[in-house]
Amino acid sequence: MKDYLLTVKNLTITLADKEKDIKIVDDISYSIKKNETLCMVGESGCGKTVSALSITRLLPSPPFKIDGQIFLEDREILSLPIEELYKIRGKEIGFIFQEPLSSFNPVEKIGDQIAEVVRIHENFDKKTSKEMVYELLHHVGFKNPKIQYELYPHELSGGMRQRAMIAMAIILKPKLLIADEPTTALDVTIQAQVLNLIEKLKDEYGLSILFITHNLGIVAQISENVLVLYAGQIVEYSRVFELFKDPLHPYTIGLLNSVPSLTKIYSYNKSIQGNPPEPTNIPSGCPFHPRCNRKMKICETKNPPFIKIENRYVKCWLYSEEKNAHS
């Protein structure tokens, strides 16, 4: 495990309901190497954000319950006392949230909110922490950091708010950066600028990044490896180049077909029909089978195992010898 910064083993997240517990994330495992970017991809509601929030135990308990193991290098995070976890949040693991306007305190100045991270973890005085924030704001693209330090969140544009959120996440040079849909509310030009900034900071600080998105076009630009989630389960894990060249799971093929392109390569599955299942109503067997145009009888009754194909993994009966006995 020494080569990996983050290791997630058999992560299962359930939500307590009046009648029964609802499984939001179902037994997922993955690892992120040092200085690697892993993209977690899937439609809304597949469990991407919930699984990311569980890494630093940001899910309220109750109603959420987290089972499994999460290691930051050799430390198991889920079993740490909350006081130890506070030391990790912000300092060793930074978080870029999906919508910075709702993540920042609206009645506090942007600069003061970033400086607070420094004062909490490093016990620096107000002057020292403010100078650190000035320098970092300039580094992430603020042209007049001393003036913009004094602004409130609503006084910044969407792109500048996201830059401020990135500054807050990396000011203490964490080992791991979790970026949850950081470009969703931005126009295409600003998206590109934010992605370039994240890549630049990754190289400068040696960051490992867990990047959550539903946009496969972004994945191609920033990631080395891709993990595809559907209904709270991993259905495919692959290197980026191999996934785009030869996607294995029918769901992955559908996602790739949904990316606007001048030249469509994946012609045998034009689009994904239907909608993802609600967590309260996951189908039996393979959860994707009601939407799959290549399903077999076994898909309706039995969830497939993970199948290794060279250095890739896919959770689909199409690649299993056992299908011959049930097709």
Protein backbone atom coordinates (compact mmCIF):
# COMPACT_ATOMS: atom_id res chain seq x y z
CA MET A 1 0.00 0.00 0.00
CA LYS A 2 3.07 2.28 0.20
CA ASP A 3 2.69 3.36 -3.45
CA TYR A 4 -0.89 4.50 -2.86
CA LEU A 5 -1.97 7.70 -1.16
CA LEU A 6 -5.65 6.73 -0.86
CA THR A 7 -7.05 3.21 -0.64
CA VAL A 8 -10.79 2.56 -0.35
CA LYS A 9 -11.86 -0.99 0.53
CA ASN A 10 -15.41 -2.35 0.35
CA LEU A 11 -17.02 1.04 0.95
CA THR A 12 -20.76 0.75 1.56
CA ILE A 13 -22.94 3.72 2.51
CA THR A 14 -26.52 3.31 3.72
CA LEU A 15 -29.15 5.90 4.53
CA ALA A 16 -31.52 5.15 7.38
CA ASP A 17 -35.15 5.37 6.28
CA LYS A 18 -38.37 4.93 8.24
CA GLU A 19 -39.04 1.51 6.74
CA LYS A 20 -35.59 0.20 5.78
CA ASP A 21 -31.97 1.19 5.20
CA ILE A 22 -31.29 2.43 1.67
CA LYS A 23 -27.97 1.46 0.09
CA ILE A 24 -26.48 4.51 -1.65
CA VAL A 25 -22.99 3.11 -2.35
CA ASP A 26 -22.56 -0.63 -2.70
CA ASP A 27 -19.21 -2.24 -1.85
CA ILE A 28 -16.81 -0.15 -3.94
CA SER A 29 -13.00 -0.40 -3.79
CA TYR A 30 -10.33 1.68 -5.51
CA SER A 31 -6.90 3.25 -4.97
CA ILE A 32 -5.16 6.47 -5.97
CA LYS A 33 -1.40 6.59 -6.38
CA LYS A 34 0.72 9.55 -5.36
CA ASN A 35 0.53 12.34 -7.97
CA GLU A 36 -2.27 10.51 -9.84
CA THR A 37 -5.63 11.86 -10.95
CA LEU A 38 -8.51 9.40 -10.78
CA CYS A 39 -11.82 10.47 -12.30
CA MET A 40 -15.07 9.12 -10.89
CA VAL A 41 -17.73 9.31 -13.60
CA GLY A 42 -21.46 8.67 -13.72
CA GLU A 43 -24.90 10.22 -14.00
CA SER A 44 -26.42 12.29 -11.21
CA GLY A 45 -27.51 10.13 -8.28
CA CYS A 46 -25.02 7.30 -8.87
CA GLY A 47 -23.21 7.90 -5.56
CA LYS A 48 -20.17 9.94 -6.66
CA THR A 49 -20.48 12.84 -4.22
CA VAL A 50 -21.62 10.70 -1.30
CA SER A 51 -18.65 8.37 -1.68
CA ALA A 52 -16.26 11.35 -1.83
CA LEU A 53 -17.76 12.99 1.25
CA SER A 54 -17.35 9.74 3.16
CA ILE A 55 -13.56 9.95 2.79
CA THR A 56 -13.37 12.70 5.40
CA ARG A 57 -16.59 11.64 7.15
CA LEU A 58 -18.50 14.74 6.09
CA LEU A 59 -21.76 12.77 5.89
CA PRO A 60 -23.98 13.28 8.95
CA SER A 61 -24.32 10.18 11.11
CA PRO A 62 -27.18 9.47 11.50
CA PRO A 63 -28.86 9.16 9.01
CA PHE A 64 -25.85 7.91 7.00
CA LYS A 65 -23.84 4.84 7.97
CA ILE A 66 -20.43 4.13 6.47
CA ASP A 67 -18.93 0.63 6.35
CA GLY A 68 -15.59 -0.49 4.94
CA GLN A 69 -12.08 0.91 5.23
CA ILE A 70 -10.46 4.09 3.92
CA PHE A 71 -6.69 4.48 4.20
CA LEU A 72 -4.73 7.70 3.76
CA GLU A 73 -1.32 6.12 3.23
CA ASP A 74 -1.14 3.78 6.24
CA ARG A 75 -3.80 5.46 8.43
CA GLU A 76 -7.34 4.10 8.49
CA ILE A 77 -9.52 7.24 8.45
CA LEU A 78 -12.93 5.83 9.32
CA SER A 79 -11.74 4.60 12.72
CA LEU A 80 -9.92 7.81 13.72
CA PRO A 81 -11.24 9.90 16.63
CA ILE A 82 -12.98 13.03 15.34
CA GLU A 83 -10.23 15.23 16.84
CA GLU A 84 -7.63 13.47 14.66
CA LEU A 85 -9.88 13.76 11.63
CA TYR A 86 -10.13 17.54 12.11
CA LYS A 87 -6.35 17.70 11.71
CA ILE A 88 -6.57 15.88 8.37
CA ARG A 89 -9.43 17.90 6.88
CA GLY A 90 -8.02 20.92 5.09
CA LYS A 91 -4.40 20.12 5.87
CA GLU A 92 -3.87 16.70 4.29
CA ILE A 93 -7.10 16.46 2.29
CA GLY A 94 -8.46 19.51 0.49
CA PHE A 95 -11.99 19.70 -0.91
CA ILE A 96 -13.29 21.73 -3.87
CA PHE A 97 -17.06 21.72 -3.54
CA GLN A 98 -19.51 21.73 -6.43
CA GLU A 99 -21.04 25.16 -5.86
CA PRO A 100 -18.74 27.66 -4.11
CA LEU A 101 -21.47 30.29 -3.63
CA SER A 102 -23.30 27.96 -1.26
CA SER A 103 -20.06 26.63 0.27
CA PHE A 104 -18.65 29.98 1.38
CA ASN A 105 -20.13 31.89 4.31
CA PRO A 106 -22.04 34.76 2.62
CA VAL A 107 -21.40 37.27 5.42
CA GLU A 108 -17.62 36.79 5.71
CA LYS A 109 -14.96 38.15 3.38
CA ILE A 110 -13.43 35.64 0.98
CA GLY A 111 -9.91 36.30 2.20
CA ASP A 112 -10.80 35.86 5.87
CA GLN A 113 -12.42 32.49 5.15
CA ILE A 114 -9.29 31.24 3.39
CA ALA A 115 -7.03 32.65 6.13
CA GLU A 116 -9.07 30.84 8.77
CA VAL A 117 -7.87 27.49 7.39
CA VAL A 118 -4.26 28.58 8.01
CA ARG A 119 -4.92 29.90 11.52
CA ILE A 120 -6.78 26.75 12.59
CA HIS A 121 -4.15 24.27 11.41
CA GLU A 122 -0.90 26.22 11.72
CA ASN A 123 -1.69 28.66 14.54
CA PHE A 124 -0.26 31.58 12.53
CA ASP A 125 -1.06 35.15 13.50
CA LYS A 126 -3.49 37.23 11.48
CA LYS A 127 -0.79 39.17 9.59
CA THR A 128 1.14 36.06 8.51
CA SER A 129 -1.99 34.19 7.39
CA LYS A 130 -3.22 37.23 5.45
CA GLU A 131 0.11 37.51 3.59
CA MET A 132 -0.15 33.81 2.70
CA VAL A 133 -3.63 34.37 1.29
CA TYR A 134 -2.51 37.41 -0.74
CA GLU A 135 0.25 35.35 -2.33
CA LEU A 136 -1.96 32.38 -3.09
CA LEU A 137 -4.84 34.46 -4.50
CA HIS A 138 -2.37 36.00 -6.92
CA HIS A 139 -1.05 32.54 -7.78
CA VAL A 140 -4.52 31.21 -8.68
CA GLY A 141 -5.36 34.17 -10.91
CA PHE A 142 -6.55 37.13 -8.81
CA LYS A 143 -5.04 40.30 -10.29
CA ASN A 144 -5.59 42.53 -7.23
CA PRO A 145 -5.48 40.10 -4.28
CA LYS A 146 -5.31 42.77 -1.56
CA ILE A 147 -8.51 44.35 -2.85
CA GLN A 148 -10.26 41.07 -3.71
CA TYR A 149 -9.37 39.64 -0.27
CA GLU A 150 -11.95 42.09 1.14
CA LEU A 151 -14.81 41.02 -1.16
CA TYR A 152 -17.77 38.88 -0.14
CA PRO A 153 -18.65 35.73 -2.12
CA HIS A 154 -21.54 37.31 -4.01
CA GLU A 155 -19.23 40.06 -5.28
CA LEU A 156 -17.09 37.61 -7.24
CA SER A 157 -17.91 36.00 -10.58
CA GLY A 158 -18.51 32.26 -10.73
CA GLY A 159 -15.04 31.61 -12.09
CA MET A 160 -13.32 33.75 -9.44
CA ARG A 161 -15.35 32.10 -6.66
CA GLN A 162 -14.15 28.73 -7.90
CA ARG A 163 -10.55 30.00 -7.91
CA ALA A 164 -11.05 31.17 -4.32
CA MET A 165 -12.40 27.73 -3.42
CA ILE A 166 -9.34 26.12 -5.01
CA ALA A 167 -7.10 28.49 -3.02
CA MET A 168 -8.82 27.46 0.21
CA ALA A 169 -8.43 23.77 -0.67
CA ILE A 170 -4.70 23.91 -1.45
CA ILE A 171 -3.36 26.68 0.80
CA LEU A 172 -1.79 24.13 3.18
CA LYS A 173 -0.50 21.98 0.30
CA PRO A 174 -2.57 18.85 1.04
CA LYS A 175 -1.61 15.41 -0.19
CA LEU A 176 -5.05 14.70 -1.66
CA LEU A 177 -7.42 17.06 -3.45
CA ILE A 178 -11.05 16.02 -3.88
CA ALA A 179 -12.73 18.03 -6.64
CA ASP A 180 -16.50 17.51 -6.79
CA GLU A 181 -17.85 18.71 -10.15
CA PRO A 182 -15.74 21.91 -9.91
CA THR A 183 -16.69 23.17 -13.38
CA THR A 184 -20.40 22.33 -13.52
CA ALA A 185 -21.81 25.87 -13.20
CA LEU A 186 -19.16 27.54 -15.39
CA ASP A 187 -19.17 28.37 -19.08
CA VAL A 188 -16.85 26.47 -21.40
CA THR A 189 -14.08 29.09 -21.46
CA ILE A 190 -13.96 29.41 -17.66
CA GLN A 191 -14.14 25.60 -17.34
CA ALA A 192 -10.96 25.30 -19.37
CA GLN A 193 -9.21 27.91 -17.22
CA VAL A 194 -10.18 26.16 -13.98
CA LEU A 195 -9.06 22.76 -15.31
CA ASN A 196 -5.73 24.20 -16.43
CA LEU A 197 -5.27 25.74 -12.98
CA ILE A 198 -5.96 22.42 -11.24
CA GLU A 199 -3.46 20.64 -13.51
CA LYS A 200 -0.86 23.34 -12.85
CA LEU A 201 -1.29 23.07 -9.07
CA LYS A 202 -1.13 19.28 -9.24
CA ASP A 203 2.29 19.46 -10.89
CA GLU A 204 3.58 22.19 -8.58
CA TYR A 205 2.46 20.59 -5.31
CA GLY A 206 2.60 16.90 -6.26
CA LEU A 207 -1.10 16.46 -5.54
CA SER A 208 -3.14 13.31 -5.90
CA ILE A 209 -6.62 14.16 -7.14
CA LEU A 210 -10.01 12.47 -6.96
CA PHE A 211 -11.98 14.30 -9.64
CA ILE A 212 -15.75 13.77 -9.74
CA THR A 213 -17.64 14.58 -12.91
CA HIS A 214 -20.37 13.46 -15.31
CA ASN A 215 -18.52 15.02 -18.25
CA LEU A 216 -16.32 12.53 -20.08
CA GLY A 217 -14.84 15.31 -22.18
CA ILE A 218 -13.18 16.64 -19.01
CA VAL A 219 -11.93 13.16 -18.12
CA ALA A 220 -9.89 12.93 -21.30
CA GLN A 221 -8.06 16.13 -20.44
CA ILE A 222 -7.03 15.66 -16.82
CA SER A 223 -7.11 12.02 -15.74
CA GLU A 224 -4.87 8.96 -15.89
CA ASN A 225 -7.50 6.47 -14.70
CA VAL A 226 -11.30 6.37 -14.79
CA LEU A 227 -13.77 4.70 -12.47
CA VAL A 228 -17.34 4.46 -13.84
CA LEU A 229 -20.15 4.34 -11.28
CA TYR A 230 -23.74 3.23 -11.83
CA ALA A 231 -26.40 2.86 -9.11
CA GLY A 232 -23.74 3.04 -6.40
CA GLN A 233 -21.58 0.30 -7.95
CA ILE A 234 -18.36 0.40 -9.95
CA VAL A 235 -19.08 -1.03 -13.41
CA GLU A 236 -15.76 -0.29 -15.13
CA TYR A 237 -12.22 0.73 -14.19
CA SER A 238 -9.67 1.57 -16.85
CA ARG A 239 -6.82 3.75 -18.01
CA VAL A 240 -8.21 6.80 -19.82
CA PHE A 241 -6.74 6.00 -23.23
CA GLU A 242 -8.04 2.43 -23.18
CA LEU A 243 -11.50 3.48 -22.03
CA PHE A 244 -11.91 5.96 -24.86
CA LYS A 245 -10.40 3.63 -27.43
CA ASP A 246 -12.36 0.52 -26.44
CA PRO A 247 -15.06 0.97 -23.76
CA LEU A 248 -16.22 -2.36 -22.32
CA HIS A 249 -19.41 -1.84 -20.31
CA PRO A 250 -22.58 -0.91 -22.25
CA TYR A 251 -23.15 1.93 -19.77
CA THR A 252 -19.69 3.37 -20.48
CA ILE A 253 -20.39 3.13 -24.21
CA GLY A 254 -23.64 5.03 -23.68
CA LEU A 255 -21.88 7.75 -21.71
CA LEU A 256 -19.30 8.16 -24.46
CA ASN A 257 -22.02 8.35 -27.08
CA SER A 258 -23.66 11.16 -25.13
CA VAL A 259 -20.57 13.38 -25.53
CA PRO A 260 -21.13 15.83 -28.43
CA SER A 261 -18.69 15.01 -31.20
CA LEU A 262 -18.10 15.79 -34.86
CA THR A 263 -17.19 12.16 -35.54
CA LYS A 264 -19.03 9.42 -33.64
CA ILE A 265 -16.92 6.32 -33.15
CA TYR A 266 -19.22 4.25 -30.91
CA SER A 267 -22.08 3.43 -33.27
CA TYR A 268 -23.49 0.23 -31.75
CA ASN A 269 -25.20 1.96 -28.83
CA LYS A 270 -26.54 5.35 -29.88
CA SER A 271 -27.85 6.49 -26.49
CA ILE A 272 -28.88 5.31 -23.06
CA GLN A 273 -32.61 4.80 -22.84
CA GLY A 274 -34.54 5.41 -19.61
CA ASN A 275 -33.30 6.85 -16.32
CA PRO A 276 -31.00 5.64 -13.53
CA PRO A 277 -32.87 3.73 -10.80
CA GLU A 278 -33.73 5.32 -7.49
CA PRO A 279 -31.72 3.95 -4.55
CA THR A 280 -35.01 2.70 -3.09
CA ASN A 281 -35.75 0.66 -6.20
CA ILE A 282 -32.54 -0.94 -7.51
CA PRO A 283 -33.39 -3.72 -10.02
CA SER A 284 -32.46 -7.32 -9.29
CA GLY A 285 -29.44 -8.74 -11.07
CA CYS A 286 -27.32 -6.19 -12.90
CA PRO A 287 -28.75 -2.76 -12.00
CA PHE A 288 -28.17 -1.53 -15.57
CA HIS A 289 -30.09 -4.32 -17.31
CA PRO A 290 -33.44 -2.43 -17.74
CA ARG A 291 -31.60 0.16 -19.88
CA CYS A 292 -29.16 -2.17 -21.64
CA ASN A 293 -29.63 -3.17 -25.29
CA ARG A 294 -27.25 -6.15 -24.90
CA LYS A 295 -28.80 -7.77 -21.84
CA MET A 296 -29.17 -11.54 -21.42
CA LYS A 297 -31.37 -13.62 -19.12
CA ILE A 298 -28.67 -13.87 -16.46
CA CYS A 299 -28.49 -10.07 -16.27
CA GLU A 300 -32.03 -9.92 -14.88
CA THR A 301 -31.38 -12.21 -11.93
CA LYS A 302 -27.69 -12.20 -11.04
CA ASN A 303 -25.30 -9.29 -10.48
CA PRO A 304 -22.06 -9.92 -12.43
CA PRO A 305 -18.68 -10.23 -10.73
CA PHE A 306 -15.69 -8.03 -11.52
CA ILE A 307 -13.87 -9.47 -14.49
CA LYS A 308 -10.23 -8.60 -15.17
CA ILE A 309 -9.31 -8.05 -18.80
CA GLU A 310 -5.57 -7.42 -18.97
CA ASN A 311 -5.12 -4.38 -16.68
CA ARG A 312 -8.79 -3.34 -16.77
CA TYR A 313 -11.88 -4.35 -14.80
CA VAL A 314 -15.50 -4.57 -15.88
CA LYS A 315 -18.65 -5.72 -14.10
CA CYS A 316 -20.62 -7.23 -16.97
CA TRP A 317 -21.79 -10.72 -17.98
CA LEU A 318 -20.73 -10.10 -21.59
CA TYR A 319 -17.17 -10.89 -20.57
CA SER A 320 -17.82 -13.93 -18.37
CA GLU A 321 -17.74 -17.59 -19.35
CA GLU A 322 -20.64 -18.18 -16.96
CA LYS A 323 -23.00 -16.37 -19.33
CA ASN A 324 -23.01 -19.41 -21.65
CA ALA A 325 -24.85 -21.44 -19.04
CA HIS A 326 -27.60 -18.83 -18.65
CA SER A 327 -28.01 -17.16 -22.02
